[in-house]
Amino acid sequence: MDLKELTYETMLPHVGSTFRIEFADRTLELELVRVDMLREKHTSKRLNRDSFALIFRGPNDVMLRQGTYPLDHAILGPKVPIFIVPLAREEEGVHYEAIFT
């Protein structure tokens, strides 16, 4: 899937699904736990989408640095480059956020 196709509406059905990041020595799984509407107004004429955020939860034993990672998803496709930011490490795992404007 191309980043231009990612919208609040296209991502909402995937809450609860798993995204994978392949590293040389391990595969890290992130669960999409929430999709938040940030602004219900198209701020980009080029992309024609509302601003939204994806909230992921990963394992507690590792915290990824802020950066772009190629995420694989069973339906959305392989290696979708998404810029994620770590939010917090909590008992149930590490939370990450990706914002789209």
C-alpha atoms as a PDB file:
ATOM      1  CA  MET A   1       0.000   0.000   0.000  1.00  0.00           C
ATOM      2  CA  ASP A   2       1.219   3.478  -0.835  1.00  0.00           C
ATOM      3  CA  LEU A   3       1.337   6.067   1.965  1.00  0.00           C
ATOM      4  CA  LYS A   4      -1.080   8.257  -0.002  1.00  0.00           C
ATOM      5  CA  GLU A   5      -3.711   5.549   0.454  1.00  0.00           C
ATOM      6  CA  LEU A   6      -3.447   5.554   4.265  1.00  0.00           C
ATOM      7  CA  THR A   7      -6.412   7.375   5.751  1.00  0.00           C
ATOM      8  CA  TYR A   8      -8.379   7.276   8.964  1.00  0.00           C
ATOM      9  CA  GLU A   9     -11.056   5.269   7.178  1.00  0.00           C
ATOM     10  CA  THR A  10      -8.678   2.738   5.598  1.00  0.00           C
ATOM     11  CA  MET A  11      -6.831   2.110   8.868  1.00  0.00           C
ATOM     12  CA  LEU A  12      -9.784   1.872  11.269  1.00  0.00           C
ATOM     13  CA  PRO A  13     -10.737  -1.709  10.237  1.00  0.00           C
ATOM     14  CA  HIS A  14      -7.201  -2.861  11.097  1.00  0.00           C
ATOM     15  CA  VAL A  15      -7.361  -2.018  14.810  1.00  0.00           C
ATOM     16  CA  GLY A  16      -6.276  -5.165  16.641  1.00  0.00           C
ATOM     17  CA  SER A  17      -4.191  -6.452  13.755  1.00  0.00           C
ATOM     18  CA  THR A  18      -0.459  -7.091  13.740  1.00  0.00           C
ATOM     19  CA  PHE A  19       2.241  -5.193  11.881  1.00  0.00           C
ATOM     20  CA  ARG A  20       5.734  -6.696  11.655  1.00  0.00           C
ATOM     21  CA  ILE A  21       9.183  -5.162  11.407  1.00  0.00           C
ATOM     22  CA  GLU A  22      11.904  -7.525  10.182  1.00  0.00           C
ATOM     23  CA  PHE A  23      15.377  -7.071  11.642  1.00  0.00           C
ATOM     24  CA  ALA A  24      18.425  -9.220  10.921  1.00  0.00           C
ATOM     25  CA  ASP A  25      18.148 -11.046  14.242  1.00  0.00           C
ATOM     26  CA  ARG A  26      14.430 -10.875  15.102  1.00  0.00           C
ATOM     27  CA  THR A  27      10.939  -9.919  14.023  1.00  0.00           C
ATOM     28  CA  LEU A  28       9.177  -7.297  16.097  1.00  0.00           C
ATOM     29  CA  GLU A  29       5.384  -7.323  16.162  1.00  0.00           C
ATOM     30  CA  LEU A  30       3.355  -4.179  16.771  1.00  0.00           C
ATOM     31  CA  GLU A  31      -0.377  -4.306  17.393  1.00  0.00           C
ATOM     32  CA  LEU A  32      -2.473  -1.430  16.078  1.00  0.00           C
ATOM     33  CA  VAL A  33      -4.457  -0.552  19.206  1.00  0.00           C
ATOM     34  CA  ARG A  34      -6.118   2.693  18.142  1.00  0.00           C
ATOM     35  CA  VAL A  35      -6.720   5.066  15.233  1.00  0.00           C
ATOM     36  CA  ASP A  36      -7.422   8.645  16.346  1.00  0.00           C
ATOM     37  CA  MET A  37      -8.939  11.394  14.209  1.00  0.00           C
ATOM     38  CA  LEU A  38      -6.890  14.532  14.826  1.00  0.00           C
ATOM     39  CA  ARG A  39      -8.554  17.011  12.518  1.00  0.00           C
ATOM     40  CA  GLU A  40     -11.621  16.482  10.401  1.00  0.00           C
ATOM     41  CA  LYS A  41     -10.519  18.835   7.693  1.00  0.00           C
ATOM     42  CA  HIS A  42      -8.377  18.077   4.702  1.00  0.00           C
ATOM     43  CA  THR A  43      -5.180  19.957   5.413  1.00  0.00           C
ATOM     44  CA  SER A  44      -3.325  18.679   2.366  1.00  0.00           C
ATOM     45  CA  LYS A  45      -4.850  19.312  -1.038  1.00  0.00           C
ATOM     46  CA  ARG A  46      -2.329  16.872  -2.497  1.00  0.00           C
ATOM     47  CA  LEU A  47      -3.253  13.968  -0.192  1.00  0.00           C
ATOM     48  CA  ASN A  48      -6.907  14.862   0.369  1.00  0.00           C
ATOM     49  CA  ARG A  49      -7.145  13.205   3.772  1.00  0.00           C
ATOM     50  CA  ASP A  50      -7.942  14.121   7.352  1.00  0.00           C
ATOM     51  CA  SER A  51      -5.181  14.219   9.965  1.00  0.00           C
ATOM     52  CA  PHE A  52      -5.045  11.054  12.046  1.00  0.00           C
ATOM     53  CA  ALA A  53      -2.776   9.096  14.373  1.00  0.00           C
ATOM     54  CA  LEU A  54      -2.003   5.403  14.617  1.00  0.00           C
ATOM     55  CA  ILE A  55      -1.226   4.065  18.084  1.00  0.00           C
ATOM     56  CA  PHE A  56       0.735   0.803  18.213  1.00  0.00           C
ATOM     57  CA  ARG A  57       1.773  -1.428  21.102  1.00  0.00           C
ATOM     58  CA  GLY A  58       4.934  -3.508  20.950  1.00  0.00           C
ATOM     59  CA  PRO A  59       6.733  -5.860  23.314  1.00  0.00           C
ATOM     60  CA  ASN A  60       8.050  -4.485  26.575  1.00  0.00           C
ATOM     61  CA  ASP A  61      11.566  -5.904  26.191  1.00  0.00           C
ATOM     62  CA  VAL A  62      12.655  -3.466  23.466  1.00  0.00           C
ATOM     63  CA  MET A  63      11.945   0.198  22.703  1.00  0.00           C
ATOM     64  CA  LEU A  64      12.455   1.321  19.126  1.00  0.00           C
ATOM     65  CA  ARG A  65      14.006   4.694  18.490  1.00  0.00           C
ATOM     66  CA  GLN A  66      12.041   7.372  16.720  1.00  0.00           C
ATOM     67  CA  GLY A  67      12.350   6.728  13.011  1.00  0.00           C
ATOM     68  CA  THR A  68      10.938   5.278   9.816  1.00  0.00           C
ATOM     69  CA  TYR A  69      10.406   1.539   9.787  1.00  0.00           C
ATOM     70  CA  PRO A  70       9.129  -0.722   6.983  1.00  0.00           C
ATOM     71  CA  LEU A  71       6.013  -2.344   8.449  1.00  0.00           C
ATOM     72  CA  ASP A  72       4.586  -5.527   6.949  1.00  0.00           C
ATOM     73  CA  HIS A  73       0.874  -6.238   7.208  1.00  0.00           C
ATOM     74  CA  ALA A  74      -1.101  -9.226   5.932  1.00  0.00           C
ATOM     75  CA  ILE A  75      -3.687  -7.067   4.142  1.00  0.00           C
ATOM     76  CA  LEU A  76      -2.006  -3.682   3.609  1.00  0.00           C
ATOM     77  CA  GLY A  77       1.102  -5.260   2.153  1.00  0.00           C
ATOM     78  CA  PRO A  78       4.829  -5.458   2.745  1.00  0.00           C
ATOM     79  CA  LYS A  79       7.249  -2.753   3.763  1.00  0.00           C
ATOM     80  CA  VAL A  80       4.952   0.227   4.254  1.00  0.00           C
ATOM     81  CA  PRO A  81       7.388   2.914   5.521  1.00  0.00           C
ATOM     82  CA  ILE A  82       5.894   4.511   8.634  1.00  0.00           C
ATOM     83  CA  PHE A  83       7.572   7.086  10.892  1.00  0.00           C
ATOM     84  CA  ILE A  84       6.888   6.106  14.492  1.00  0.00           C
ATOM     85  CA  VAL A  85       7.683   7.796  17.795  1.00  0.00           C
ATOM     86  CA  PRO A  86       7.869   5.948  21.121  1.00  0.00           C
ATOM     87  CA  LEU A  87       5.333   7.315  23.608  1.00  0.00           C
ATOM     88  CA  ALA A  88       5.669   5.273  26.787  1.00  0.00           C
ATOM     89  CA  ARG A  89       6.716   1.957  28.226  1.00  0.00           C
ATOM     90  CA  GLU A  90       3.871   0.518  30.265  1.00  0.00           C
ATOM     91  CA  GLU A  91       3.204  -2.841  31.863  1.00  0.00           C
ATOM     92  CA  GLU A  92       1.411  -4.201  28.779  1.00  0.00           C
ATOM     93  CA  GLY A  93       4.094  -2.993  26.343  1.00  0.00           C
ATOM     94  CA  VAL A  94       5.666  -0.021  24.608  1.00  0.00           C
ATOM     95  CA  HIS A  95       3.308   2.393  22.869  1.00  0.00           C
ATOM     96  CA  TYR A  96       4.234   4.142  19.619  1.00  0.00           C
ATOM     97  CA  GLU A  97       2.532   6.842  17.593  1.00  0.00           C
ATOM     98  CA  ALA A  98       2.512   7.637  13.878  1.00  0.00           C
ATOM     99  CA  ILE A  99       0.872  10.890  12.792  1.00  0.00           C
ATOM    100  CA  PHE A 100      -0.448  11.558   9.297  1.00  0.00           C
ATOM    101  CA  THR A 101      -1.392  15.057   8.152  1.00  0.00           C
END
